[in-house]
Amino acid sequence: MSKDDLDKRRDALRTRIDQHETAEAEKAAAATRGSAAGFAVAFRLSTELIAAIIVGGLIGYGLDWLLGTLPWLFILFVLLGFVAGILNVLRSAGLIQPPQVGKRPHEGTDR
């Protein structure tokens, strides 16, 4: 083999290696963007749940303070806040359909 043949083979190999490295870098960048988006969604969903529980607790504590029934309304509203937070998380995740105002499903009748 001559020196020119070896140079051509080396250049072809370098080109293939560069293409492979570029493709791997693009895959890594796409994976990083996907995980960052996943973290953002997880943070938003957890924030919605925690906020609903805190709001329920504050409403319950305020009503307890006004009515003198501490801790019963606090406990009740924390539980209601938890349920509302779970519903919000499920709606945001697309696992249940959000309510549609003014539309009711038909019960077994074709109209």
C-alpha atoms as a PDB file:
ATOM      1  CA  MET A   1       0.000   0.000   0.000  1.00  0.00           C
ATOM      2  CA  SER A   2       1.200   3.415  -0.853  1.00  0.00           C
ATOM      3  CA  LYS A   3       1.272   6.432   1.388  1.00  0.00           C
ATOM      4  CA  ASP A   4      -1.590   8.068  -0.574  1.00  0.00           C
ATOM      5  CA  ASP A   5      -3.840   5.043  -0.030  1.00  0.00           C
ATOM      6  CA  LEU A   6      -3.160   5.096   3.700  1.00  0.00           C
ATOM      7  CA  ASP A   7      -3.860   8.844   3.848  1.00  0.00           C
ATOM      8  CA  LYS A   8      -7.175   8.363   2.032  1.00  0.00           C
ATOM      9  CA  ARG A   9      -8.197   5.540   4.351  1.00  0.00           C
ATOM     10  CA  ARG A  10      -7.197   7.582   7.404  1.00  0.00           C
ATOM     11  CA  ASP A  11      -9.197  10.601   6.172  1.00  0.00           C
ATOM     12  CA  ALA A  12     -12.244   8.415   5.449  1.00  0.00           C
ATOM     13  CA  LEU A  13     -11.983   6.866   8.901  1.00  0.00           C
ATOM     14  CA  ARG A  14     -11.637  10.307  10.520  1.00  0.00           C
ATOM     15  CA  THR A  15     -14.785  11.461   8.670  1.00  0.00           C
ATOM     16  CA  ARG A  16     -16.762   8.434   9.867  1.00  0.00           C
ATOM     17  CA  ILE A  17     -15.550   8.926  13.455  1.00  0.00           C
ATOM     18  CA  ASP A  18     -16.526  12.620  13.354  1.00  0.00           C
ATOM     19  CA  GLN A  19     -20.000  11.742  12.047  1.00  0.00           C
ATOM     20  CA  HIS A  20     -20.432   9.156  14.773  1.00  0.00           C
ATOM     21  CA  GLU A  21     -19.277  11.571  17.499  1.00  0.00           C
ATOM     22  CA  THR A  22     -21.669  14.251  16.189  1.00  0.00           C
ATOM     23  CA  ALA A  23     -24.587  11.799  16.227  1.00  0.00           C
ATOM     24  CA  GLU A  24     -23.726  10.703  19.787  1.00  0.00           C
ATOM     25  CA  ALA A  25     -23.509  14.322  20.956  1.00  0.00           C
ATOM     26  CA  GLU A  26     -26.944  15.050  19.460  1.00  0.00           C
ATOM     27  CA  LYS A  27     -28.412  11.995  21.223  1.00  0.00           C
ATOM     28  CA  ALA A  28     -26.914  13.112  24.540  1.00  0.00           C
ATOM     29  CA  ALA A  29     -28.280  16.642  24.089  1.00  0.00           C
ATOM     30  CA  ALA A  30     -31.754  15.287  23.286  1.00  0.00           C
ATOM     31  CA  ALA A  31     -31.673  13.065  26.381  1.00  0.00           C
ATOM     32  CA  THR A  32     -30.662  16.035  28.546  1.00  0.00           C
ATOM     33  CA  ARG A  33     -33.499  18.166  27.171  1.00  0.00           C
ATOM     34  CA  GLY A  34     -35.956  15.331  27.801  1.00  0.00           C
ATOM     35  CA  SER A  35     -34.876  14.845  31.409  1.00  0.00           C
ATOM     36  CA  ALA A  36     -34.991  18.593  32.089  1.00  0.00           C
ATOM     37  CA  ALA A  37     -38.540  18.741  30.746  1.00  0.00           C
ATOM     38  CA  GLY A  38     -39.430  15.751  32.922  1.00  0.00           C
ATOM     39  CA  PHE A  39     -38.035  17.477  36.004  1.00  0.00           C
ATOM     40  CA  ALA A  40     -40.029  20.604  35.177  1.00  0.00           C
ATOM     41  CA  VAL A  41     -43.257  18.622  34.898  1.00  0.00           C
ATOM     42  CA  ALA A  42     -42.538  16.746  38.130  1.00  0.00           C
ATOM     43  CA  PHE A  43     -41.807  20.000  39.954  1.00  0.00           C
ATOM     44  CA  ARG A  44     -45.022  21.588  38.660  1.00  0.00           C
ATOM     45  CA  LEU A  45     -47.150  18.596  39.668  1.00  0.00           C
ATOM     46  CA  SER A  46     -45.636  18.360  43.141  1.00  0.00           C
ATOM     47  CA  THR A  47     -46.073  22.113  43.618  1.00  0.00           C
ATOM     48  CA  GLU A  48     -49.769  21.854  42.699  1.00  0.00           C
ATOM     49  CA  LEU A  49     -50.299  19.079  45.239  1.00  0.00           C
ATOM     50  CA  ILE A  50     -48.460  20.852  48.047  1.00  0.00           C
ATOM     51  CA  ALA A  51     -50.170  24.180  47.327  1.00  0.00           C
ATOM     52  CA  ALA A  52     -53.621  22.575  47.477  1.00  0.00           C
ATOM     53  CA  ILE A  53     -52.834  20.976  50.848  1.00  0.00           C
ATOM     54  CA  ILE A  54     -51.463  24.243  52.261  1.00  0.00           C
ATOM     55  CA  VAL A  55     -54.457  26.267  51.052  1.00  0.00           C
ATOM     56  CA  GLY A  56     -56.848  23.701  52.530  1.00  0.00           C
ATOM     57  CA  GLY A  57     -54.967  23.772  55.821  1.00  0.00           C
ATOM     58  CA  LEU A  58     -55.004  27.573  55.980  1.00  0.00           C
ATOM     59  CA  ILE A  59     -58.733  27.735  55.258  1.00  0.00           C
ATOM     60  CA  GLY A  60     -59.416  25.061  57.880  1.00  0.00           C
ATOM     61  CA  TYR A  61     -57.221  26.743  60.472  1.00  0.00           C
ATOM     62  CA  GLY A  62     -58.850  30.118  59.800  1.00  0.00           C
ATOM     63  CA  LEU A  63     -62.349  28.689  60.177  1.00  0.00           C
ATOM     64  CA  ASP A  64     -61.292  26.837  63.338  1.00  0.00           C
ATOM     65  CA  TRP A  65     -59.887  30.042  64.785  1.00  0.00           C
ATOM     66  CA  LEU A  66     -63.090  31.944  63.992  1.00  0.00           C
ATOM     67  CA  LEU A  67     -65.462  29.242  65.224  1.00  0.00           C
ATOM     68  CA  GLY A  68     -63.347  27.852  68.068  1.00  0.00           C
ATOM     69  CA  THR A  69     -63.496  24.264  66.851  1.00  0.00           C
ATOM     70  CA  LEU A  70     -59.750  23.623  66.654  1.00  0.00           C
ATOM     71  CA  PRO A  71     -58.560  21.109  65.138  1.00  0.00           C
ATOM     72  CA  TRP A  72     -61.613  19.578  63.434  1.00  0.00           C
ATOM     73  CA  LEU A  73     -62.082  21.929  60.492  1.00  0.00           C
ATOM     74  CA  PHE A  74     -58.322  22.090  60.025  1.00  0.00           C
ATOM     75  CA  ILE A  75     -58.174  18.307  59.621  1.00  0.00           C
ATOM     76  CA  LEU A  76     -61.207  18.277  57.329  1.00  0.00           C
ATOM     77  CA  PHE A  77     -59.870  20.993  55.028  1.00  0.00           C
ATOM     78  CA  VAL A  78     -56.374  19.473  54.888  1.00  0.00           C
ATOM     79  CA  LEU A  79     -57.986  16.251  53.670  1.00  0.00           C
ATOM     80  CA  LEU A  80     -60.114  18.179  51.176  1.00  0.00           C
ATOM     81  CA  GLY A  81     -57.000  20.016  49.992  1.00  0.00           C
ATOM     82  CA  PHE A  82     -55.234  16.694  49.537  1.00  0.00           C
ATOM     83  CA  VAL A  83     -58.110  15.335  47.427  1.00  0.00           C
ATOM     84  CA  ALA A  84     -58.245  18.540  45.370  1.00  0.00           C
ATOM     85  CA  GLY A  85     -54.476  18.385  44.867  1.00  0.00           C
ATOM     86  CA  ILE A  86     -54.629  14.786  43.665  1.00  0.00           C
ATOM     87  CA  LEU A  87     -57.402  15.704  41.207  1.00  0.00           C
ATOM     88  CA  ASN A  88     -55.342  18.649  39.911  1.00  0.00           C
ATOM     89  CA  VAL A  89     -52.287  16.444  39.454  1.00  0.00           C
ATOM     90  CA  LEU A  90     -54.311  13.813  37.582  1.00  0.00           C
ATOM     91  CA  ARG A  91     -55.844  16.473  35.331  1.00  0.00           C
ATOM     92  CA  SER A  92     -52.467  18.069  34.633  1.00  0.00           C
ATOM     93  CA  ALA A  93     -50.941  14.690  33.844  1.00  0.00           C
ATOM     94  CA  GLY A  94     -53.789  13.987  31.433  1.00  0.00           C
ATOM     95  CA  LEU A  95     -55.001  10.908  33.273  1.00  0.00           C
ATOM     96  CA  ILE A  96     -58.534  12.232  33.773  1.00  0.00           C
ATOM     97  CA  GLN A  97     -60.573  14.624  31.691  1.00  0.00           C
ATOM     98  CA  PRO A  98     -61.081  18.138  33.077  1.00  0.00           C
ATOM     99  CA  PRO A  99     -64.668  19.096  33.810  1.00  0.00           C
ATOM    100  CA  GLN A 100     -66.553  20.788  30.988  1.00  0.00           C
ATOM    101  CA  VAL A 101     -68.957  23.426  32.229  1.00  0.00           C
ATOM    102  CA  GLY A 102     -72.476  23.120  30.841  1.00  0.00           C
ATOM    103  CA  LYS A 103     -71.974  19.712  29.260  1.00  0.00           C
ATOM    104  CA  ARG A 104     -73.431  16.589  30.781  1.00  0.00           C
ATOM    105  CA  PRO A 105     -72.951  13.110  29.450  1.00  0.00           C
ATOM    106  CA  HIS A 106     -76.048  11.375  28.184  1.00  0.00           C
ATOM    107  CA  GLU A 107     -77.006   8.357  30.237  1.00  0.00           C
ATOM    108  CA  GLY A 108     -77.581   5.510  27.830  1.00  0.00           C
ATOM    109  CA  THR A 109     -79.893   7.413  25.470  1.00  0.00           C
ATOM    110  CA  ASP A 110     -79.146   8.500  21.934  1.00  0.00           C
ATOM    111  CA  ARG A 111     -80.114  12.095  21.405  1.00  0.00           C
END
